[in-house]
């Protein structure tokens, strides 16, 4: 039962129970002492001969018994008031003591695969909360290192396998064009071509854009959301031309969507909250995951403050440019969407170099 309530309530209930037991014990002892005193009053003290009493002591009467009952009632009321006030004070004190834990829990909930490189601030107090924060930051660092190693392995494997697969496909194409083989040979060539196509797609997925990160608004972003054709844009908000570049993307986005393409903006730097607050397209941070996926193009991406290139099936196909015209985006989108359809019809998906 106690496991289903909050730690703050459990602490309050425990302290209140301890306070109640203490007050009841003290009340019982007080009432016992009062009873002994009442019995002592009922016995008149001995007096010396020829002495004049200062006052006459009367045996215990019904009035004395009434005073005793009033004393009992007041001790019960005092016990109830002390327990009530103590419980309320304990509740607020527990909230103050547990506040660092709530703050740490809130920060932990904000962490995901896209922001593991952002450690939680270490509290100044030298207590268990500080040690817990240090341990969690170390765990995030280890997870980030594991993710990067996994992405690096996938990218390296895709890079190493791409060349032999290209050679195998070229030889199969030559064999198919010669047309000198028997039907059994042609059937074997077709089967091998299908398997090479499937393997090429798997390698493309391993070396191209994967599950990047979350968007700036905290939503998960995956490769599927990028689509087959997308304008991949890298913007540095601190650059003077960033606002104009971004506005051109916003103005031309409707035409891009109508032609079946998408726009993806990757933010370089920290000054991004205001400029991209109402972005109609996904906006993601330029974090380690994105850097690993675009490793082969990092020089161009980081040398140009604002850079963009059209991606088809996860591969950079167009030249890089540092400015955009809203009226030209729709035509460019239509051209690359047409190219993607021709590639799909011609079975060339996966032959071009991917990002990784």
Protein backbone atom coordinates (compact mmCIF):
# COMPACT_ATOMS: atom_id res chain seq x y z
CA UNK A 1 0.00 0.00 0.00
CA UNK A 2 2.74 2.48 0.98
CA UNK A 3 4.62 1.71 -2.24
CA UNK A 4 1.79 3.28 -4.26
CA UNK A 5 2.02 6.71 -2.62
CA UNK A 6 4.68 9.37 -3.00
CA UNK A 7 7.81 9.53 -0.91
CA UNK A 8 6.69 12.87 0.50
CA UNK A 9 3.42 11.40 1.84
CA UNK A 10 5.20 8.35 3.22
CA UNK A 11 7.68 10.54 5.07
CA UNK A 12 4.82 12.66 6.45
CA UNK A 13 2.83 9.62 7.61
CA UNK A 14 5.87 8.10 9.31
CA UNK A 15 6.73 11.32 11.13
CA UNK A 16 3.09 11.84 12.14
CA UNK A 17 2.86 8.31 13.54
CA UNK A 18 6.02 8.84 15.57
CA UNK A 19 4.68 12.18 16.84
CA UNK A 20 1.32 10.61 17.76
CA UNK A 21 2.96 7.80 19.75
CA UNK A 22 5.16 10.31 21.58
CA UNK A 23 2.26 12.61 22.47
CA UNK A 24 0.00 9.76 23.61
CA UNK A 25 2.77 8.37 25.80
CA UNK A 26 3.40 11.81 27.31
CA UNK A 27 -0.34 12.29 27.94
CA UNK A 28 -0.65 8.94 29.69
CA UNK A 29 2.31 9.72 31.94
CA UNK A 30 0.88 13.17 32.73
CA UNK A 31 -2.51 11.72 33.62
CA UNK A 32 -0.91 9.06 35.81
CA UNK A 33 1.09 11.75 37.64
CA UNK A 34 -2.04 13.86 38.05
CA UNK A 35 -3.89 10.86 39.53
CA UNK A 36 -1.15 10.25 42.07
CA UNK A 37 -1.25 13.92 43.08
CA UNK A 38 -5.02 13.79 43.53
CA UNK A 39 -4.66 10.82 45.85
CA UNK A 40 -1.97 12.64 47.86
CA UNK A 41 -4.19 15.67 48.35
CA UNK A 42 -6.85 13.42 49.85
CA UNK A 43 -4.54 12.62 52.81
CA UNK A 44 -4.32 15.46 55.42
CA UNK A 45 -0.76 16.03 56.74
CA UNK A 46 0.03 15.60 60.43
CA UNK A 47 0.33 18.78 62.51
CA UNK A 48 2.42 19.52 65.57
CA UNK A 49 0.73 20.21 68.91
CA UNK A 50 -0.31 23.82 69.63
CA UNK A 51 0.38 24.80 65.99
CA UNK A 52 -2.01 26.93 64.05
CA UNK A 53 -2.75 25.67 60.53
CA UNK A 54 -2.26 28.16 57.70
CA UNK A 55 -5.04 26.51 55.71
CA UNK A 56 -7.41 23.67 56.12
CA UNK A 57 -6.86 20.79 53.67
CA UNK A 58 -10.04 19.14 52.64
CA UNK A 59 -10.18 15.59 51.36
CA UNK A 60 -10.70 15.06 47.65
CA UNK A 61 -14.22 15.93 46.63
CA UNK A 62 -16.32 15.66 43.46
CA UNK A 63 -14.95 19.07 42.42
CA UNK A 64 -11.42 17.70 42.48
CA UNK A 65 -12.54 14.80 40.30
CA UNK A 66 -14.07 17.30 37.86
CA UNK A 67 -10.77 19.19 37.64
CA UNK A 68 -9.03 15.92 36.91
CA UNK A 69 -11.43 15.11 34.04
CA UNK A 70 -10.92 18.62 32.59
CA UNK A 71 -7.16 18.03 32.72
CA UNK A 72 -7.60 14.74 30.85
CA UNK A 73 -9.73 16.41 28.15
CA UNK A 74 -7.19 19.19 27.67
CA UNK A 75 -4.35 16.72 27.29
CA UNK A 76 -6.29 14.88 24.59
CA UNK A 77 -7.01 18.14 22.75
CA UNK A 78 -3.38 19.23 23.07
CA UNK A 79 -2.23 15.88 21.70
CA UNK A 80 -4.53 16.19 18.67
CA UNK A 81 -3.41 19.79 17.97
CA UNK A 82 0.28 18.93 18.28
CA UNK A 83 -0.05 15.94 15.96
CA UNK A 84 -2.03 17.96 13.38
CA UNK A 85 0.34 20.94 13.37
CA UNK A 86 3.36 18.63 13.36
CA UNK A 87 2.01 16.65 10.40
CA UNK A 88 1.42 19.79 8.35
CA UNK A 89 4.88 21.12 9.21
CA UNK A 90 6.41 17.74 8.31
CA UNK A 91 4.62 17.73 4.94
CA UNK A 92 6.09 21.10 3.94
CA UNK A 93 9.50 20.22 5.36
CA UNK A 94 9.51 16.99 3.35
CA UNK A 95 8.68 18.97 0.20
CA UNK A 96 11.64 21.25 0.82
CA UNK A 97 13.99 18.34 1.50
CA UNK A 98 12.82 16.39 -1.57
CA UNK A 99 12.90 19.38 -3.94
CA UNK A 100 16.40 18.52 -5.30
CA UNK A 101 15.17 15.01 -6.13
CA UNK A 102 12.19 16.41 -8.06
CA UNK A 103 14.48 18.76 -9.98
CA UNK A 104 16.84 15.90 -10.81
CA UNK A 105 13.92 13.73 -11.94
CA UNK A 106 12.69 16.53 -14.20
CA UNK A 107 16.11 16.91 -15.80
CA UNK A 108 16.43 13.14 -16.29
CA UNK A 109 13.07 13.02 -18.10
CA UNK A 110 14.31 15.63 -20.58
CA UNK A 111 17.24 13.48 -21.68
CA UNK A 112 17.00 11.31 -24.79
CA UNK A 113 19.25 9.92 -27.50
CA UNK A 114 19.57 13.36 -29.06
CA UNK A 115 20.87 15.33 -26.09
CA UNK A 116 23.02 12.89 -24.15
CA UNK A 117 25.90 15.34 -24.62
CA UNK A 118 24.18 17.84 -22.30
CA UNK A 119 25.12 16.90 -18.70
CA UNK A 120 22.89 17.77 -15.78
CA UNK A 121 24.13 20.66 -13.64
CA UNK A 122 25.94 19.44 -10.53
CA UNK A 123 24.39 20.81 -7.29
CA UNK A 124 26.67 22.69 -4.91
CA UNK A 125 25.65 20.63 -1.88
CA UNK A 126 27.92 17.76 -0.89
CA UNK A 127 25.18 15.18 -0.36
CA UNK A 128 23.66 12.09 -1.96
CA UNK A 129 21.90 14.16 -4.65
CA UNK A 130 25.25 15.42 -5.90
CA UNK A 131 26.61 11.87 -6.07
CA UNK A 132 23.47 10.67 -7.88
CA UNK A 133 23.81 13.48 -10.42
CA UNK A 134 27.45 12.63 -11.04
CA UNK A 135 26.56 8.97 -11.55
CA UNK A 136 23.79 9.81 -14.01
CA UNK A 137 26.05 12.13 -16.01
CA UNK A 138 28.63 9.35 -16.20
CA UNK A 139 25.96 6.95 -17.43
CA UNK A 140 24.86 9.43 -20.14
CA UNK A 141 28.47 9.84 -21.23
CA UNK A 142 28.88 6.07 -21.53
CA UNK A 143 25.63 5.76 -23.49
CA UNK A 144 26.64 8.52 -25.87
CA UNK A 145 30.00 6.87 -26.44
CA UNK A 146 28.24 3.57 -27.20
CA UNK A 147 25.85 5.23 -29.65
CA UNK A 148 28.68 6.96 -31.47
CA UNK A 149 30.68 3.74 -31.71
CA UNK A 150 27.65 1.97 -33.12
CA UNK A 151 27.07 4.69 -35.71
CA UNK A 152 30.76 4.78 -36.60
CA UNK A 153 30.80 1.01 -37.07
CA UNK A 154 27.72 1.14 -39.31
CA UNK A 155 29.18 3.96 -41.39
CA UNK A 156 32.55 2.23 -41.75
CA UNK A 157 30.93 -1.09 -42.67
CA UNK A 158 28.75 0.61 -45.27
CA UNK A 159 31.74 2.43 -46.72
CA UNK A 160 33.86 -0.72 -46.98
CA UNK A 161 31.09 -2.81 -48.55
CA UNK A 162 29.95 -0.20 -51.04
CA UNK A 163 32.91 -0.60 -53.43
CA UNK A 164 32.83 -4.41 -53.85
CA UNK A 165 29.07 -4.30 -54.29
CA UNK A 166 29.43 -1.69 -57.02
CA UNK A 167 31.97 -3.89 -58.82
CA UNK A 168 29.72 -6.95 -58.54
CA UNK A 169 26.74 -5.04 -59.87
CA UNK A 170 28.76 -3.68 -62.79
CA UNK A 171 29.86 -7.17 -63.79
CA UNK A 172 26.32 -8.47 -63.52
CA UNK A 173 25.10 -5.61 -65.73
CA UNK A 174 27.75 -6.45 -68.31
CA UNK A 175 26.80 -10.11 -68.25
CA UNK A 176 23.13 -9.25 -68.62
CA UNK A 177 23.79 -6.91 -71.57
CA UNK A 178 25.81 -9.51 -73.47
CA UNK A 179 22.78 -11.78 -73.66
CA UNK A 180 24.91 -14.80 -74.56
CA UNK A 181 24.01 -16.85 -71.52
CA UNK A 182 21.46 -19.58 -71.34
CA UNK A 183 18.04 -19.00 -69.75
CA UNK A 184 19.35 -20.58 -66.58
CA UNK A 185 22.24 -18.11 -66.56
CA UNK A 186 19.93 -15.17 -67.12
CA UNK A 187 17.69 -16.39 -64.31
CA UNK A 188 20.70 -16.65 -62.02
CA UNK A 189 21.81 -13.13 -62.99
CA UNK A 190 18.34 -11.81 -62.19
CA UNK A 191 18.29 -13.51 -58.80
CA UNK A 192 21.75 -12.20 -57.94
CA UNK A 193 20.73 -8.73 -59.05
CA UNK A 194 17.75 -8.79 -56.70
CA UNK A 195 19.92 -9.88 -53.79
CA UNK A 196 22.48 -7.19 -54.58
CA UNK A 197 19.69 -4.63 -54.69
CA UNK A 198 18.46 -5.73 -51.29
CA UNK A 199 21.98 -5.71 -49.85
CA UNK A 200 22.63 -2.24 -51.31
CA UNK A 201 19.46 -0.94 -49.65
CA UNK A 202 20.58 -2.33 -46.31
CA UNK A 203 23.99 -0.71 -46.69
CA UNK A 204 22.37 2.58 -47.62
CA UNK A 205 20.27 2.49 -44.48
CA UNK A 206 23.38 1.73 -42.41
CA UNK A 207 25.45 4.53 -43.92
CA UNK A 208 22.81 7.14 -44.56
CA UNK A 209 20.67 9.17 -42.22
CA UNK A 210 19.23 7.05 -39.44
CA UNK A 211 17.32 7.96 -36.34
CA UNK A 212 18.93 11.35 -35.88
CA UNK A 213 17.61 12.88 -32.76
CA UNK A 214 14.61 14.83 -31.54
CA UNK A 215 13.40 18.10 -33.00
CA UNK A 216 13.88 21.38 -31.16
CA UNK A 217 10.31 21.01 -29.85
CA UNK A 218 11.22 17.64 -28.27
CA UNK A 219 9.48 15.33 -30.77
CA UNK A 220 11.22 12.22 -32.08
CA UNK A 221 12.65 12.48 -35.60
CA UNK A 222 13.38 9.46 -37.79
CA UNK A 223 14.69 8.85 -41.29
CA UNK A 224 11.21 8.02 -42.55
CA UNK A 225 10.01 11.55 -41.73
CA UNK A 226 12.65 12.96 -44.05
CA UNK A 227 11.09 11.28 -47.08
CA UNK A 228 12.68 10.10 -50.31
CA UNK A 229 13.47 13.64 -51.49
CA UNK A 230 14.36 16.47 -49.12
CA UNK A 231 16.28 19.71 -49.06
CA UNK A 232 18.74 19.26 -46.19
CA UNK A 233 19.61 22.71 -44.83
CA UNK A 234 22.24 23.66 -42.23
CA UNK A 235 21.76 27.12 -40.69
CA UNK A 236 23.88 29.07 -38.21
CA UNK A 237 21.41 31.40 -36.38
CA UNK A 238 24.22 33.79 -35.46
CA UNK A 239 24.97 34.48 -39.12
CA UNK A 240 23.46 37.75 -40.46
CA UNK A 241 22.03 35.98 -43.52
CA UNK A 242 20.38 33.20 -41.51
CA UNK A 243 17.01 34.95 -41.15
CA UNK A 244 16.70 35.67 -44.88
CA UNK A 245 17.75 32.11 -45.75
CA UNK A 246 15.20 30.67 -43.32
CA UNK A 247 12.40 32.96 -44.57
CA UNK A 248 13.02 31.84 -48.16
CA UNK A 249 12.60 28.24 -47.03
CA UNK A 250 9.34 29.07 -45.26
CA UNK A 251 7.98 30.95 -48.27
CA UNK A 252 8.85 28.14 -50.67
CA UNK A 253 7.85 25.24 -48.44
CA UNK A 254 4.31 24.92 -49.79
CA UNK A 255 5.57 24.50 -53.35
CA UNK A 256 8.12 21.92 -52.17
CA UNK A 257 5.38 19.92 -50.45
CA UNK A 258 3.10 20.08 -53.48
CA UNK A 259 5.82 18.45 -55.56
CA UNK A 260 6.24 15.60 -53.07
CA UNK A 261 9.46 16.72 -51.36
CA UNK A 262 10.34 17.85 -47.85
CA UNK A 263 12.60 20.38 -46.12
CA UNK A 264 14.75 19.50 -43.12
CA UNK A 265 16.62 22.23 -41.22
CA UNK A 266 19.59 21.45 -38.99
CA UNK A 267 20.56 24.21 -36.56
CA UNK A 268 24.23 24.96 -35.90
CA UNK A 269 24.80 26.92 -32.70
CA UNK A 270 22.61 27.79 -29.72
CA UNK A 271 20.71 30.93 -30.81
CA UNK A 272 17.74 29.13 -32.32
CA UNK A 273 14.66 29.34 -30.12
CA UNK A 274 13.20 32.54 -31.58
CA UNK A 275 14.05 32.15 -35.26
CA UNK A 276 12.63 28.62 -35.62
CA UNK A 277 9.75 28.87 -33.14
CA UNK A 278 7.01 28.51 -35.81
CA UNK A 279 8.87 26.41 -38.38
CA UNK A 280 6.45 24.47 -40.66
CA UNK A 281 9.08 21.78 -41.29
CA UNK A 282 11.22 19.65 -38.94
CA UNK A 283 14.10 21.45 -37.21
CA UNK A 284 16.79 19.37 -35.50
CA UNK A 285 20.02 20.27 -33.67
CA UNK A 286 23.44 19.73 -35.23
CA UNK A 287 24.54 17.20 -32.63
CA UNK A 288 27.02 14.32 -32.64
CA UNK A 289 24.52 11.93 -34.23
CA UNK A 290 24.02 14.23 -37.22
CA UNK A 291 27.76 14.86 -37.49
CA UNK A 292 28.40 11.12 -37.63
CA UNK A 293 25.77 10.62 -40.34
CA UNK A 294 27.15 13.48 -42.48
CA UNK A 295 30.84 12.86 -41.78
CA UNK A 296 31.86 12.85 -45.46
CA UNK A 297 30.41 16.34 -45.97
CA UNK A 298 31.40 17.95 -42.68
CA UNK A 299 33.92 20.26 -44.32
CA UNK A 300 31.29 21.85 -46.54
CA UNK A 301 28.67 21.92 -43.78
CA UNK A 302 30.91 23.60 -41.23
CA UNK A 303 32.79 25.92 -43.61
CA UNK A 304 29.60 27.53 -44.91
CA UNK A 305 27.51 29.34 -42.24
CA UNK A 306 24.36 28.43 -44.17
CA UNK A 307 24.45 25.47 -46.55
CA UNK A 308 21.88 23.28 -48.33
CA UNK A 309 21.83 20.30 -50.64
CA UNK A 310 19.08 18.13 -52.11
CA UNK A 311 18.97 14.56 -50.80
CA UNK A 312 17.48 11.66 -52.72
CA UNK A 313 17.00 8.36 -50.86
CA UNK A 314 19.28 9.60 -48.09
CA UNK A 315 22.10 10.69 -50.43
CA UNK A 316 23.37 14.20 -51.22
CA UNK A 317 22.77 14.64 -54.96
CA UNK A 318 22.96 18.36 -55.65
CA UNK A 319 25.74 20.90 -55.28
CA UNK A 320 25.97 22.82 -52.04
CA UNK A 321 24.73 26.39 -52.02
CA UNK A 322 24.55 29.07 -49.36
CA UNK A 323 21.43 30.98 -50.43
CA UNK A 324 17.89 30.06 -51.40
CA UNK A 325 15.20 31.66 -53.54
CA UNK A 326 11.65 30.79 -52.58
CA UNK A 327 10.37 30.76 -56.17
CA UNK A 328 13.05 28.29 -57.28
CA UNK A 329 12.49 25.70 -54.55
CA UNK A 330 9.35 24.21 -56.11
CA UNK A 331 11.04 23.63 -59.50
CA UNK A 332 14.07 22.09 -57.83
CA UNK A 333 11.84 19.81 -55.77
CA UNK A 334 9.99 18.66 -58.91
CA UNK A 335 13.29 17.88 -60.66
CA UNK A 336 14.69 15.76 -57.84
CA UNK A 337 11.37 13.98 -57.25
CA UNK A 338 11.40 13.06 -60.94
CA UNK A 339 14.97 11.82 -60.58
CA UNK A 340 13.99 9.67 -57.62
CA UNK A 341 11.14 8.09 -59.60
CA UNK A 342 13.46 7.33 -62.52
CA UNK A 343 15.91 5.72 -60.11
CA UNK A 344 13.15 3.60 -58.60
CA UNK A 345 11.91 2.53 -62.05
CA UNK A 346 15.42 1.83 -63.33
CA UNK A 347 16.50 -0.12 -60.24
CA UNK A 348 19.35 2.24 -59.42
CA UNK A 349 18.35 2.96 -55.86
CA UNK A 350 21.38 2.74 -53.63
CA UNK A 351 24.10 3.13 -56.31
CA UNK A 352 25.08 6.66 -55.39
CA UNK A 353 27.29 7.59 -52.46
CA UNK A 354 25.37 8.09 -49.26
CA UNK A 355 26.05 10.48 -46.42
CA UNK A 356 27.81 8.17 -44.03
